[in-house]
Amino acid sequence: MNKQQICILGSTGSIGTQALDVIQQHSDRYQVYALTANNSVELLAKQAREFQPAAVVIANEAHYEQLRTLLADMPDIKVYAGQQAIDEIVQADPIDSVIAAMVGFAGLSPTIHAIKAHKKILLANKETLVVAGALICQLAGEYNVPILPIDSEHSAIFQSIVGELPGSIEKILLTCSGGPFRKLTLEQLEKVTAGDALKHPTWDMGAKITIDSATLMNKGFEVIEAKWLFNQPPQKIQVLIHPQSIIHSAVQFCDGSVKAQLGLPDMRLPIQYALSFPERLPLNVDRLDLFKKQPLEFFEPDTEKFPCLGLAFQALEKGGNMPCILNAANEVVNQAFRMGKCSYPQIPQIISETMQRATFDPTPTLDTYFRTDEQARQIASELL
């Protein structure tokens, strides 16, 4: 059997490193063709030595010479740099699947190029569908390209609806850990720091997504993703706070039955399911022990304490380029909060005001998204 050739966009991040572990566990089936990173040049070089891809790309061109030096004794590995190089590498003929694990708006362009090159998309970069869901779905249909989710929640939904008819879905039940601040009061939230927010109770993720989890913006993004991935209106998507992160999400059907996917918090399972679908392969991860005494609790989200979730629903209802505005403002304030340049309560305030000030376009094109992203970032930065 020919090995599937895999390109990982964002190989040095949390998803990327776990994807490499899955590939290593099934080296008889999968082979790394290309790896990309933004700034983590030393880790990228280490990964290249271990997996020996045909090419590596560092997005930040300032690191090109260092990367080339680190791999100078491996002439079979081509070394490139820059955003355009990432857009080009995903189109390479041997590639079968692209794992889109880059963080933020930067993941949009290479994902579009991969779709146009007829590559199967394994999507972890949620901003791609948040920013341009309508366009991505249109292109995926036009080029007959499957988009398989890697997010644990969307993978759980996907696993629950396999074999079901689309019209049978009554409600998507999107679970959420609640993050590290679930039990804090509004007064306590005024004093939390980025260090506090980065202490996630159940998941080990990158800094940006961990902050988004603390504000529940991450869950808002996942609501928008679910709308596009599963073709469901926002009123059919319900968010449930589930602190144990055992039930990764569920689907309620028209006959009243509910199907859910359960497991310990480990991203390697949804990564492998997307890679191997429709097969299930053995995976070396810890197993869920249902005999252990642990509660499975569910709560309604508090949008007064966590207004970012409500802002995401508003952006989805408004449509057009509003989710793009939401995402751009969030990227700006997320980074500012991590750098100590804004308080936790200011995050939703600045996002909300940016949504009011930025130019709304009900029928955006790809160029519109890039202009919108730039304008919204500028507005959010000025508000900071």
Protein backbone atom coordinates (compact mmCIF):
# COMPACT_ATOMS: atom_id res chain seq x y z
CA MET A 1 0.00 0.00 0.00
CA ASN A 2 1.38 3.41 -0.95
CA LYS A 3 1.87 5.67 2.04
CA GLN A 4 -0.32 8.76 2.27
CA GLN A 5 1.80 11.89 1.86
CA ILE A 6 0.99 14.47 4.55
CA CYS A 7 1.70 18.20 4.73
CA ILE A 8 1.44 19.74 8.21
CA LEU A 9 0.87 23.49 8.36
CA GLY A 10 2.02 24.50 11.84
CA SER A 11 4.01 21.37 12.72
CA THR A 12 5.67 22.88 15.80
CA GLY A 13 2.41 23.75 17.57
CA SER A 14 0.30 21.58 19.84
CA ILE A 15 -1.75 20.00 17.03
CA GLY A 16 1.25 19.65 14.75
CA THR A 17 3.43 17.82 17.26
CA GLN A 18 0.59 15.44 18.17
CA ALA A 19 -0.12 14.82 14.47
CA LEU A 20 3.51 13.80 14.05
CA ASP A 21 3.11 11.35 16.95
CA VAL A 22 0.09 9.79 15.20
CA ILE A 23 2.02 9.56 11.93
CA GLN A 24 4.91 7.93 13.76
CA GLN A 25 2.56 5.35 15.30
CA HIS A 26 1.40 4.44 11.78
CA SER A 27 4.56 4.93 9.75
CA ASP A 28 3.47 2.04 7.53
CA ARG A 29 0.55 4.18 6.29
CA TYR A 30 1.63 7.81 6.51
CA GLN A 31 4.68 9.78 5.47
CA VAL A 32 5.48 13.44 6.05
CA TYR A 33 5.99 15.32 2.80
CA ALA A 34 6.23 18.89 4.12
CA LEU A 35 6.39 20.71 7.45
CA THR A 36 5.84 24.41 8.10
CA ALA A 37 6.26 26.69 11.13
CA ASN A 38 6.09 30.39 11.86
CA ASN A 39 9.03 31.11 14.19
CA SER A 40 10.06 27.86 15.94
CA VAL A 41 13.05 27.29 13.71
CA GLU A 42 15.02 24.94 15.98
CA LEU A 43 12.07 22.62 16.62
CA LEU A 44 11.21 22.63 12.92
CA ALA A 45 14.78 21.56 12.10
CA LYS A 46 14.61 18.82 14.74
CA GLN A 47 11.33 17.53 13.27
CA ALA A 48 12.84 17.62 9.78
CA ARG A 49 15.77 15.48 10.92
CA GLU A 50 13.44 12.94 12.50
CA PHE A 51 10.79 12.68 9.75
CA GLN A 52 12.91 13.66 6.71
CA PRO A 53 10.23 15.44 4.66
CA ALA A 54 10.82 16.55 1.11
CA ALA A 55 10.48 20.20 2.17
CA VAL A 56 10.25 22.53 5.15
CA VAL A 57 9.00 26.12 5.18
CA ILE A 58 9.55 28.79 7.84
CA ALA A 59 6.96 31.55 7.49
CA ASN A 60 9.15 34.21 9.11
CA GLU A 61 11.77 34.90 6.44
CA ALA A 62 14.16 36.29 9.08
CA HIS A 63 14.78 32.67 10.18
CA TYR A 64 15.54 31.32 6.70
CA GLU A 65 19.35 31.37 6.94
CA GLN A 66 19.31 29.77 10.39
CA LEU A 67 17.02 26.99 9.20
CA ARG A 68 19.14 26.39 6.11
CA THR A 69 22.27 26.20 8.28
CA LEU A 70 20.65 23.77 10.72
CA LEU A 71 19.77 21.46 7.81
CA ALA A 72 22.86 22.04 5.69
CA ASP A 73 23.94 18.40 6.05
CA MET A 74 20.57 17.13 4.76
CA PRO A 75 20.56 18.12 1.07
CA ASP A 76 17.47 16.04 0.25
CA ILE A 77 15.30 18.40 2.34
CA LYS A 78 14.37 21.57 0.45
CA VAL A 79 14.25 24.69 2.64
CA TYR A 80 11.91 27.60 1.87
CA ALA A 81 10.65 30.71 3.65
CA GLY A 82 7.72 33.12 3.50
CA GLN A 83 3.95 33.04 3.23
CA GLN A 84 4.02 32.56 -0.54
CA ALA A 85 6.20 29.47 -0.12
CA ILE A 86 3.59 27.99 2.22
CA ASP A 87 0.86 28.69 -0.35
CA GLU A 88 2.99 26.94 -2.97
CA ILE A 89 4.10 23.90 -0.98
CA VAL A 90 0.53 22.75 -0.25
CA GLN A 91 -0.01 22.39 -3.99
CA ALA A 92 2.84 19.88 -4.47
CA ASP A 93 1.63 16.91 -6.53
CA PRO A 94 2.64 14.09 -4.12
CA ILE A 95 0.62 15.53 -1.18
CA ASP A 96 -2.61 13.65 -0.38
CA SER A 97 -3.74 15.47 2.79
CA VAL A 98 -3.02 18.85 4.39
CA ILE A 99 -3.30 19.18 8.17
CA ALA A 100 -4.23 22.85 8.60
CA ALA A 101 -2.94 23.56 12.11
CA MET A 102 -1.62 27.11 11.69
CA VAL A 103 -2.97 29.59 14.22
CA GLY A 104 -5.13 32.54 13.21
CA PHE A 105 -6.01 34.33 9.97
CA ALA A 106 -2.69 33.25 8.43
CA GLY A 107 -4.16 29.77 7.86
CA LEU A 108 -6.79 31.00 5.37
CA SER A 109 -4.65 31.49 2.26
CA PRO A 110 -2.78 28.15 2.30
CA THR A 111 -6.02 26.29 2.98
CA ILE A 112 -7.61 27.89 -0.09
CA HIS A 113 -4.57 26.98 -2.20
CA ALA A 114 -4.71 23.39 -0.92
CA ILE A 115 -8.41 23.10 -1.78
CA LYS A 116 -7.77 24.39 -5.31
CA ALA A 117 -5.02 21.76 -5.63
CA HIS A 118 -7.58 19.04 -4.70
CA LYS A 119 -5.94 18.12 -1.38
CA LYS A 120 -7.98 16.59 1.42
CA ILE A 121 -8.21 19.15 4.26
CA LEU A 122 -7.86 18.03 7.88
CA LEU A 123 -8.91 21.22 9.61
CA ALA A 124 -7.64 22.38 12.99
CA ASN A 125 -7.34 26.07 12.06
CA LYS A 126 -10.79 27.22 13.15
CA GLU A 127 -10.24 30.79 11.95
CA THR A 128 -10.44 29.59 8.32
CA LEU A 129 -14.14 28.74 8.65
CA VAL A 130 -14.83 31.58 11.09
CA VAL A 131 -13.50 34.20 8.68
CA ALA A 132 -14.61 32.75 5.34
CA GLY A 133 -16.93 29.80 5.94
CA ALA A 134 -19.18 30.47 2.96
CA LEU A 135 -16.24 30.81 0.57
CA ILE A 136 -14.44 27.72 1.90
CA CYS A 137 -17.56 25.57 1.62
CA GLN A 138 -18.21 26.86 -1.90
CA LEU A 139 -14.63 26.03 -2.97
CA ALA A 140 -14.71 22.62 -1.30
CA GLY A 141 -17.84 21.78 -3.28
CA GLU A 142 -16.45 23.21 -6.51
CA TYR A 143 -13.18 21.24 -6.27
CA ASN A 144 -14.81 18.15 -4.67
CA VAL A 145 -12.51 18.32 -1.63
CA PRO A 146 -13.49 16.80 1.74
CA ILE A 147 -12.96 18.90 4.87
CA LEU A 148 -12.59 16.70 7.95
CA PRO A 149 -12.51 18.33 11.41
CA ILE A 150 -9.66 17.82 13.87
CA ASP A 151 -11.15 19.88 16.73
CA SER A 152 -12.21 17.38 19.40
CA GLU A 153 -15.74 18.82 19.52
CA HIS A 154 -16.32 18.80 15.78
CA SER A 155 -14.75 15.39 15.44
CA ALA A 156 -17.19 14.14 18.09
CA ILE A 157 -20.12 15.63 16.15
CA PHE A 158 -18.78 14.15 12.91
CA GLN A 159 -18.42 10.71 14.52
CA SER A 160 -21.98 10.98 15.86
CA ILE A 161 -23.57 11.75 12.48
CA VAL A 162 -21.71 9.23 10.31
CA GLY A 163 -24.40 7.09 8.69
CA GLU A 164 -27.21 9.50 9.58
CA LEU A 165 -29.29 11.46 7.08
CA PRO A 166 -28.66 15.25 7.23
CA GLY A 167 -32.33 16.08 7.84
CA SER A 168 -32.45 13.93 10.98
CA ILE A 169 -30.36 16.34 13.09
CA GLU A 170 -32.47 18.26 15.62
CA LYS A 171 -29.73 19.90 17.65
CA ILE A 172 -25.95 19.96 17.95
CA LEU A 173 -24.77 19.84 21.56
CA LEU A 174 -21.37 21.53 21.61
CA THR A 175 -19.55 20.90 24.88
CA CYS A 176 -17.14 23.28 26.55
CA SER A 177 -14.87 22.80 29.56
CA GLY A 178 -15.67 26.31 30.80
CA GLY A 179 -12.00 27.19 31.05
CA PRO A 180 -10.08 28.20 34.20
CA PHE A 181 -12.44 31.06 35.20
CA ARG A 182 -15.77 29.23 35.21
CA LYS A 183 -16.41 29.71 38.94
CA LEU A 184 -15.06 33.26 39.30
CA THR A 185 -17.28 36.27 39.92
CA LEU A 186 -17.35 39.36 37.69
CA GLU A 187 -15.32 41.19 40.33
CA GLN A 188 -12.68 38.46 40.39
CA LEU A 189 -12.49 38.41 36.59
CA GLU A 190 -11.39 42.05 36.60
CA LYS A 191 -8.11 41.03 38.23
CA VAL A 192 -7.14 37.86 36.34
CA THR A 193 -3.90 37.78 34.34
CA ALA A 194 -2.72 35.97 31.25
CA GLY A 195 -0.77 33.65 33.53
CA ASP A 196 -4.02 32.69 35.26
CA ALA A 197 -5.76 32.18 31.92
CA LEU A 198 -3.03 29.89 30.59
CA LYS A 199 -3.69 27.34 33.35
CA HIS A 200 -6.36 25.33 31.53
CA PRO A 201 -7.97 22.68 33.74
CA THR A 202 -8.20 19.84 31.19
CA TRP A 203 -6.47 20.61 27.88
CA ASP A 204 -2.83 21.30 26.96
CA MET A 205 -2.98 23.77 24.06
CA GLY A 206 -1.07 26.68 22.55
CA ALA A 207 -1.16 30.10 24.24
CA LYS A 208 -3.54 31.80 21.81
CA ILE A 209 -6.22 29.11 21.89
CA THR A 210 -5.86 28.74 25.68
CA ILE A 211 -6.69 32.44 26.15
CA ASP A 212 -9.62 32.04 23.74
CA SER A 213 -10.80 29.12 25.86
CA ALA A 214 -10.66 31.28 29.00
CA THR A 215 -12.88 33.95 27.39
CA LEU A 216 -15.13 31.33 25.69
CA MET A 217 -14.32 32.97 22.36
CA ASN A 218 -12.89 29.61 21.33
CA LYS A 219 -16.33 28.10 21.84
CA GLY A 220 -17.90 30.95 19.90
CA PHE A 221 -15.56 30.18 17.02
CA GLU A 222 -16.55 26.52 17.24
CA VAL A 223 -20.24 27.48 16.98
CA ILE A 224 -19.44 29.29 13.72
CA GLU A 225 -17.38 26.31 12.54
CA ALA A 226 -20.22 23.91 13.32
CA LYS A 227 -22.63 25.98 11.24
CA TRP A 228 -20.42 25.53 8.15
CA LEU A 229 -19.12 22.01 8.75
CA PHE A 230 -22.55 20.50 9.40
CA ASN A 231 -24.80 22.96 7.54
CA GLN A 232 -26.87 23.80 10.62
CA PRO A 233 -28.37 27.20 11.59
CA PRO A 234 -27.15 28.82 14.84
CA GLN A 235 -30.48 28.17 16.60
CA LYS A 236 -29.77 24.44 16.28
CA ILE A 237 -26.38 24.73 18.00
CA GLN A 238 -26.39 24.68 21.81
CA VAL A 239 -23.32 25.19 24.00
CA LEU A 240 -23.06 23.12 27.20
CA ILE A 241 -20.44 23.69 29.89
CA HIS A 242 -19.00 20.24 30.68
CA PRO A 243 -16.00 20.71 33.04
CA GLN A 244 -14.79 17.10 32.88
CA SER A 245 -14.15 17.20 29.10
CA ILE A 246 -15.15 13.53 28.76
CA ILE A 247 -18.13 13.97 26.44
CA HIS A 248 -16.54 15.86 23.56
CA SER A 249 -19.87 16.78 21.96
CA ALA A 250 -23.16 15.16 20.99
CA VAL A 251 -26.00 15.29 18.48
CA GLN A 252 -29.71 15.13 19.26
CA PHE A 253 -31.85 13.61 16.50
CA CYS A 254 -35.45 14.10 15.46
CA ASP A 255 -36.55 10.94 17.27
CA GLY A 256 -35.19 12.27 20.57
CA SER A 257 -32.13 10.04 20.71
CA VAL A 258 -28.71 11.53 21.48
CA LYS A 259 -25.39 10.20 20.20
CA ALA A 260 -22.15 11.34 21.81
CA GLN A 261 -18.45 10.59 21.58
CA LEU A 262 -16.60 10.08 24.86
CA GLY A 263 -12.92 9.82 25.68
CA LEU A 264 -10.12 11.26 27.77
CA PRO A 265 -8.87 14.69 26.65
CA ASP A 266 -6.29 13.78 23.99
CA MET A 267 -6.13 15.45 20.58
CA ARG A 268 -4.39 12.48 18.97
CA LEU A 269 -7.72 10.65 18.71
CA PRO A 270 -9.52 13.25 16.53
CA ILE A 271 -6.31 13.79 14.52
CA GLN A 272 -6.05 10.10 13.74
CA TYR A 273 -9.78 9.75 13.00
CA ALA A 274 -9.52 12.50 10.38
CA LEU A 275 -6.42 10.89 8.88
CA SER A 276 -7.83 7.35 8.70
CA PHE A 277 -11.55 8.00 8.07
CA PRO A 278 -13.59 5.93 7.34
CA GLU A 279 -11.30 3.41 9.06
CA ARG A 280 -10.54 3.25 12.77
CA LEU A 281 -6.95 2.35 13.62
CA PRO A 282 -5.35 1.28 16.92
CA LEU A 283 -3.97 4.24 18.88
CA ASN A 284 -1.62 4.27 21.85
CA VAL A 285 -3.47 6.62 24.20
CA ASP A 286 -4.96 6.24 27.69
CA ARG A 287 -8.40 4.64 27.79
CA LEU A 288 -11.51 6.04 29.48
CA ASP A 289 -12.41 4.01 32.58
CA LEU A 290 -16.16 4.38 33.19
CA PHE A 291 -15.87 2.57 36.51
CA LYS A 292 -13.91 5.43 38.02
CA LYS A 293 -16.12 7.59 40.21
CA GLN A 294 -16.30 10.85 38.33
CA PRO A 295 -19.31 13.07 37.69
CA LEU A 296 -20.44 14.13 34.25
CA GLU A 297 -21.80 17.65 34.82
CA PHE A 298 -23.47 20.09 32.44
CA PHE A 299 -24.23 23.79 32.90
CA GLU A 300 -25.54 26.62 30.77
CA PRO A 301 -22.86 29.16 29.80
CA ASP A 302 -23.00 32.54 31.56
CA THR A 303 -22.82 35.10 28.75
CA GLU A 304 -22.78 37.96 31.26
CA LYS A 305 -19.46 36.72 32.64
CA PHE A 306 -18.29 35.50 29.22
CA PRO A 307 -19.71 37.95 26.63
CA CYS A 308 -17.34 36.73 23.88
CA LEU A 309 -19.60 33.73 23.31
CA GLY A 310 -22.56 36.05 22.73
CA LEU A 311 -20.49 38.21 20.37
CA ALA A 312 -19.73 35.14 18.27
CA PHE A 313 -23.43 34.28 18.00
CA GLN A 314 -24.12 37.92 17.01
CA ALA A 315 -21.46 37.79 14.31
CA LEU A 316 -22.85 34.52 12.97
CA GLU A 317 -26.41 35.90 12.86
CA LYS A 318 -25.19 39.08 11.09
CA GLY A 319 -23.21 37.07 8.56
CA GLY A 320 -21.22 38.63 5.74
CA ASN A 321 -17.78 39.75 6.89
CA MET A 322 -18.81 40.22 10.53
CA PRO A 323 -17.18 36.97 11.72
CA CYS A 324 -13.99 38.17 10.00
CA ILE A 325 -14.18 41.41 12.00
CA LEU A 326 -14.77 39.40 15.18
CA ASN A 327 -11.73 37.22 14.53
CA ALA A 328 -9.36 40.06 13.64
CA ALA A 329 -10.26 42.07 16.73
CA ASN A 330 -9.93 38.98 18.88
CA GLU A 331 -6.46 38.19 17.55
CA VAL A 332 -5.33 41.72 18.44
CA VAL A 333 -6.73 41.76 21.98
CA ASN A 334 -5.74 38.15 22.67
CA GLN A 335 -2.11 39.03 22.01
CA ALA A 336 -2.43 42.30 23.94
CA PHE A 337 -3.80 40.44 26.98
CA ARG A 338 -0.93 37.95 26.83
CA MET A 339 1.51 40.88 26.78
CA GLY A 340 -0.19 42.63 29.71
CA LYS A 341 -1.45 45.51 27.55
CA CYS A 342 -5.16 45.11 28.31
CA SER A 343 -7.30 43.67 31.09
CA TYR A 344 -9.51 40.61 30.82
CA PRO A 345 -12.80 42.64 30.81
CA GLN A 346 -11.42 44.87 28.03
CA ILE A 347 -11.19 41.90 25.64
CA PRO A 348 -14.94 41.71 24.82
CA GLN A 349 -15.31 45.49 25.09
CA ILE A 350 -12.76 46.16 22.34
CA ILE A 351 -14.08 43.33 20.15
CA SER A 352 -17.65 44.64 20.46
CA GLU A 353 -16.67 48.21 19.60
CA THR A 354 -14.59 47.02 16.63
CA MET A 355 -17.63 45.12 15.35
CA GLN A 356 -19.64 48.35 15.53
CA ARG A 357 -17.00 50.53 13.82
CA ALA A 358 -15.67 48.28 11.04
CA THR A 359 -17.22 48.38 7.57
CA PHE A 360 -19.86 45.68 7.16
CA ASP A 361 -20.16 43.83 3.84
CA PRO A 362 -23.04 41.34 3.48
CA THR A 363 -21.52 39.64 0.39
CA PRO A 364 -17.75 39.58 0.87
CA THR A 365 -15.21 38.26 -1.63
CA LEU A 366 -11.75 36.92 -0.74
CA ASP A 367 -10.30 40.41 -1.26
CA THR A 368 -12.97 41.76 1.10
CA TYR A 369 -11.81 39.40 3.84
CA PHE A 370 -8.20 40.60 3.55
CA ARG A 371 -9.28 44.27 3.60
CA THR A 372 -11.66 43.61 6.50
CA ASP A 373 -8.97 41.83 8.50
CA GLU A 374 -6.58 44.76 8.05
CA GLN A 375 -9.19 47.40 8.92
CA ALA A 376 -10.49 45.55 12.01
CA ARG A 377 -6.96 45.03 13.32
CA GLN A 378 -6.24 48.73 12.92
CA ILE A 379 -9.46 49.71 14.75
CA ALA A 380 -8.83 47.25 17.61
CA SER A 381 -5.23 48.47 17.93
CA GLU A 382 -6.35 52.10 18.11
CA LEU A 383 -8.94 51.19 20.77
CA LEU A 384 -6.21 49.49 22.80
